Amino acid sequence: MNILIVGATGQLGYTICRKLTESNTNHVVIATHRKSSDPNTLKKLHDVKTRLIDLSDPATFGPALQQIDVVISTANTATPTQKSD
C-alpha cells in the first residue's frame, strides 16, 4: 500500500512517517514537502520517498497523488480564520 503523508515536515506528519517506517509492514511511505521546506530530515527516515507538493497550486496535486492508495494530511496554516484566532 502506498501512503502519502501531506505535511510530513511538521511535527505530527514527521512522527506519522517515522511510526509507519518503524512498523515493519510492506507499506511504501511517501512524504510530501513544499519548496520552502527542507526534505533532508525526511530522507533520514528509512525507506521514505519524498514528493514536492504545493497546496496553493492545484497543478502539483496530480503528480503527487500518482499511484497513491491512502492520503494522511496533517498540513495546516497558521493564518487565522477569524479575528478571535
C-alpha atoms as a PDB file:
ATOM      1  CA  MET A   1       0.000   0.000   0.000  1.00  0.00           C
ATOM      2  CA  ASN A   2       1.328   3.453  -0.951  1.00  0.00           C
ATOM      3  CA  ILE A   3       0.700   6.021   1.788  1.00  0.00           C
ATOM      4  CA  LEU A   4       1.158   9.729   1.108  1.00  0.00           C
ATOM      5  CA  ILE A   5       1.772  11.971   4.119  1.00  0.00           C
ATOM      6  CA  VAL A   6       0.890  15.613   3.450  1.00  0.00           C
ATOM      7  CA  GLY A   7       2.549  17.902   5.984  1.00  0.00           C
ATOM      8  CA  ALA A   8       5.391  15.452   6.613  1.00  0.00           C
ATOM      9  CA  THR A   9       7.921  18.139   7.564  1.00  0.00           C
ATOM     10  CA  GLY A  10       5.797  19.200  10.538  1.00  0.00           C
ATOM     11  CA  GLN A  11       5.969  17.594  13.959  1.00  0.00           C
ATOM     12  CA  LEU A  12       2.877  15.385  13.602  1.00  0.00           C
ATOM     13  CA  GLY A  13       3.471  14.458   9.959  1.00  0.00           C
ATOM     14  CA  TYR A  14       7.090  13.528  10.650  1.00  0.00           C
ATOM     15  CA  THR A  15       6.049  11.375  13.610  1.00  0.00           C
ATOM     16  CA  ILE A  16       3.499   9.549  11.465  1.00  0.00           C
ATOM     17  CA  CYS A  17       6.167   8.899   8.814  1.00  0.00           C
ATOM     18  CA  ARG A  18       8.572   7.604  11.435  1.00  0.00           C
ATOM     19  CA  LYS A  19       5.973   5.320  13.044  1.00  0.00           C
ATOM     20  CA  LEU A  20       4.920   3.899   9.686  1.00  0.00           C
ATOM     21  CA  THR A  21       8.503   3.138   8.700  1.00  0.00           C
ATOM     22  CA  GLU A  22       9.173   1.501  12.078  1.00  0.00           C
ATOM     23  CA  SER A  23       6.083  -0.714  11.807  1.00  0.00           C
ATOM     24  CA  ASN A  24       7.856  -3.307   9.619  1.00  0.00           C
ATOM     25  CA  THR A  25       4.971  -3.543   7.175  1.00  0.00           C
ATOM     26  CA  ASN A  26       5.116  -3.567   3.418  1.00  0.00           C
ATOM     27  CA  HIS A  27       3.725  -0.028   3.188  1.00  0.00           C
ATOM     28  CA  VAL A  28       5.506   2.463   0.981  1.00  0.00           C
ATOM     29  CA  VAL A  29       5.667   5.816   2.775  1.00  0.00           C
ATOM     30  CA  ILE A  30       5.807   8.901   0.588  1.00  0.00           C
ATOM     31  CA  ALA A  31       6.357  12.156   2.460  1.00  0.00           C
ATOM     32  CA  THR A  32       5.439  15.446   0.845  1.00  0.00           C
ATOM     33  CA  HIS A  33       7.215  18.735   1.294  1.00  0.00           C
ATOM     34  CA  ARG A  34       6.834  22.184  -0.162  1.00  0.00           C
ATOM     35  CA  LYS A  35       9.551  24.137  -1.960  1.00  0.00           C
ATOM     36  CA  SER A  36      10.404  26.151   1.156  1.00  0.00           C
ATOM     37  CA  SER A  37      10.798  23.071   3.400  1.00  0.00           C
ATOM     38  CA  ASP A  38      13.998  21.107   3.849  1.00  0.00           C
ATOM     39  CA  PRO A  39      13.356  17.474   2.795  1.00  0.00           C
ATOM     40  CA  ASN A  40      16.727  16.286   4.159  1.00  0.00           C
ATOM     41  CA  THR A  41      15.210  15.451   7.550  1.00  0.00           C
ATOM     42  CA  LEU A  42      12.688  13.178   5.834  1.00  0.00           C
ATOM     43  CA  LYS A  43      15.461  11.430   3.925  1.00  0.00           C
ATOM     44  CA  LYS A  44      16.957  10.324   7.261  1.00  0.00           C
ATOM     45  CA  LEU A  45      13.968   8.037   7.770  1.00  0.00           C
ATOM     46  CA  HIS A  46      14.449   4.505   6.469  1.00  0.00           C
ATOM     47  CA  ASP A  47      12.843   3.932   3.054  1.00  0.00           C
ATOM     48  CA  VAL A  48      10.803   7.150   2.953  1.00  0.00           C
ATOM     49  CA  LYS A  49      10.302   8.598  -0.502  1.00  0.00           C
ATOM     50  CA  THR A  50       9.633  12.300  -0.965  1.00  0.00           C
ATOM     51  CA  ARG A  51       7.444  14.291  -3.327  1.00  0.00           C
ATOM     52  CA  LEU A  52       7.011  18.003  -3.793  1.00  0.00           C
ATOM     53  CA  ILE A  53       3.514  19.429  -3.334  1.00  0.00           C
ATOM     54  CA  ASP A  54       2.266  22.992  -3.057  1.00  0.00           C
ATOM     55  CA  LEU A  55      -1.210  23.163  -1.561  1.00  0.00           C
ATOM     56  CA  SER A  56      -1.684  26.613  -3.095  1.00  0.00           C
ATOM     57  CA  ASP A  57      -1.004  25.174  -6.574  1.00  0.00           C
ATOM     58  CA  PRO A  58      -3.525  22.527  -7.689  1.00  0.00           C
ATOM     59  CA  ALA A  59      -1.263  21.626 -10.630  1.00  0.00           C
ATOM     60  CA  THR A  60       1.054  19.859  -8.156  1.00  0.00           C
ATOM     61  CA  PHE A  61      -1.701  17.567  -6.836  1.00  0.00           C
ATOM     62  CA  GLY A  62      -1.866  15.165  -9.791  1.00  0.00           C
ATOM     63  CA  PRO A  63       1.828  14.269  -9.829  1.00  0.00           C
ATOM     64  CA  ALA A  64       1.923  13.951  -6.034  1.00  0.00           C
ATOM     65  CA  LEU A  65      -1.092  11.620  -5.985  1.00  0.00           C
ATOM     66  CA  GLN A  66       0.041   9.200  -8.689  1.00  0.00           C
ATOM     67  CA  GLN A  67      -0.133   5.572  -7.516  1.00  0.00           C
ATOM     68  CA  ILE A  68      -1.276   6.560  -4.003  1.00  0.00           C
ATOM     69  CA  ASP A  69      -3.714   4.347  -2.068  1.00  0.00           C
ATOM     70  CA  VAL A  70      -4.088   6.397   1.134  1.00  0.00           C
ATOM     71  CA  VAL A  71      -3.557  10.070   1.973  1.00  0.00           C
ATOM     72  CA  ILE A  72      -2.903  11.250   5.525  1.00  0.00           C
ATOM     73  CA  SER A  73      -2.923  15.035   5.766  1.00  0.00           C
ATOM     74  CA  THR A  74      -1.553  16.966   8.705  1.00  0.00           C
ATOM     75  CA  ALA A  75      -0.975  20.128   6.681  1.00  0.00           C
ATOM     76  CA  ASN A  76      -2.278  23.302   8.209  1.00  0.00           C
ATOM     77  CA  THR A  77      -1.778  27.017   8.206  1.00  0.00           C
ATOM     78  CA  ALA A  78      -1.049  29.478  10.945  1.00  0.00           C
ATOM     79  CA  THR A  79      -3.205  32.080   9.221  1.00  0.00           C
ATOM     80  CA  PRO A  80      -6.161  32.985  11.461  1.00  0.00           C
ATOM     81  CA  THR A  81      -9.558  32.169  10.052  1.00  0.00           C
ATOM     82  CA  GLN A  82     -11.357  34.513  12.446  1.00  0.00           C
ATOM     83  CA  LYS A  83     -10.426  37.710  14.282  1.00  0.00           C
ATOM     84  CA  SER A  84     -10.503  35.821  17.574  1.00  0.00           C
ATOM     85  CA  ASP A  85      -7.962  33.199  16.448  1.00  0.00           C
END
